[in-house]
Amino acid sequence: MMSFSKTAHGWLVAVGGATLIGIKQTCELVETLEWPVIATWTITAAALLLFIGNAAITANRTE
């Protein structure tokens, strides 16, 4: 069980870092295209909803 816990923690750290990189890249894209700042948060929120929706659909899938 400890091995699983360490593996899960490692994946959470990796996902957290990837999320921060994604937000940083979104901010840079919005700056480059000279969009309003709200676009950063709109794109980030849309991505979050897609990820949560995908997780919910995958969790409810029965095979």
Protein backbone atom coordinates (compact mmCIF):
# COMPACT_ATOMS: atom_id res chain seq x y z
CA MET A 1 0.00 0.00 0.00
CA MET A 2 2.89 2.38 0.73
CA SER A 3 4.24 1.93 -2.79
CA PHE A 4 0.86 2.89 -4.26
CA SER A 5 0.69 5.94 -2.00
CA LYS A 6 4.14 7.12 -3.09
CA THR A 7 3.27 6.56 -6.75
CA ALA A 8 0.00 8.47 -6.40
CA HIS A 9 1.78 11.34 -4.66
CA GLY A 10 4.39 11.46 -7.42
CA TRP A 11 1.68 11.68 -10.07
CA LEU A 12 -0.10 14.46 -8.17
CA VAL A 13 3.13 16.46 -8.05
CA ALA A 14 3.66 15.92 -11.79
CA VAL A 15 0.09 16.95 -12.60
CA GLY A 16 0.37 20.03 -10.40
CA GLY A 17 3.52 21.12 -12.19
CA ALA A 18 2.00 20.50 -15.61
CA THR A 19 -1.05 22.54 -14.63
CA LEU A 20 1.10 25.49 -13.59
CA ILE A 21 3.07 25.28 -16.84
CA GLY A 22 -0.21 25.22 -18.79
CA ILE A 23 -1.51 28.31 -17.02
CA LYS A 24 1.80 30.11 -17.61
CA GLN A 25 1.70 29.26 -21.32
CA THR A 26 -1.92 30.41 -21.55
CA CYS A 27 -0.97 33.74 -19.96
CA GLU A 28 1.85 34.18 -22.47
CA LEU A 29 -0.47 33.35 -25.39
CA VAL A 30 -3.05 35.87 -24.19
CA GLU A 31 -0.31 38.52 -23.84
CA THR A 32 1.12 37.77 -27.29
CA LEU A 33 -2.29 37.97 -28.97
CA GLU A 34 -3.15 41.07 -26.91
CA TRP A 35 -6.39 39.58 -25.61
CA PRO A 36 -8.02 40.82 -22.40
CA VAL A 37 -6.76 39.18 -19.19
CA ILE A 38 -10.15 37.54 -18.62
CA ALA A 39 -9.35 35.30 -21.60
CA THR A 40 -6.65 33.58 -19.52
CA TRP A 41 -9.13 32.61 -16.82
CA THR A 42 -11.83 31.68 -19.33
CA ILE A 43 -9.50 29.31 -21.17
CA THR A 44 -8.23 27.87 -17.87
CA ALA A 45 -11.78 27.33 -16.56
CA ALA A 46 -12.85 25.68 -19.83
CA ALA A 47 -9.88 23.30 -19.65
CA LEU A 48 -10.69 22.46 -16.03
CA LEU A 49 -14.31 21.67 -16.92
CA LEU A 50 -13.19 19.45 -19.79
CA PHE A 51 -10.79 17.54 -17.53
CA ILE A 52 -13.42 17.07 -14.81
CA GLY A 53 -16.00 15.97 -17.37
CA ASN A 54 -13.60 13.48 -18.88
CA ALA A 55 -12.78 12.07 -15.44
CA ALA A 56 -16.48 11.75 -14.57
CA ILE A 57 -17.30 9.99 -17.84
CA THR A 58 -14.34 7.65 -17.44
CA ALA A 59 -15.28 6.85 -13.83
CA ASN A 60 -18.89 6.04 -14.80
CA ARG A 61 -17.94 3.89 -17.77
CA THR A 62 -18.93 0.25 -17.32
CA GLU A 63 -17.33 -2.48 -19.32
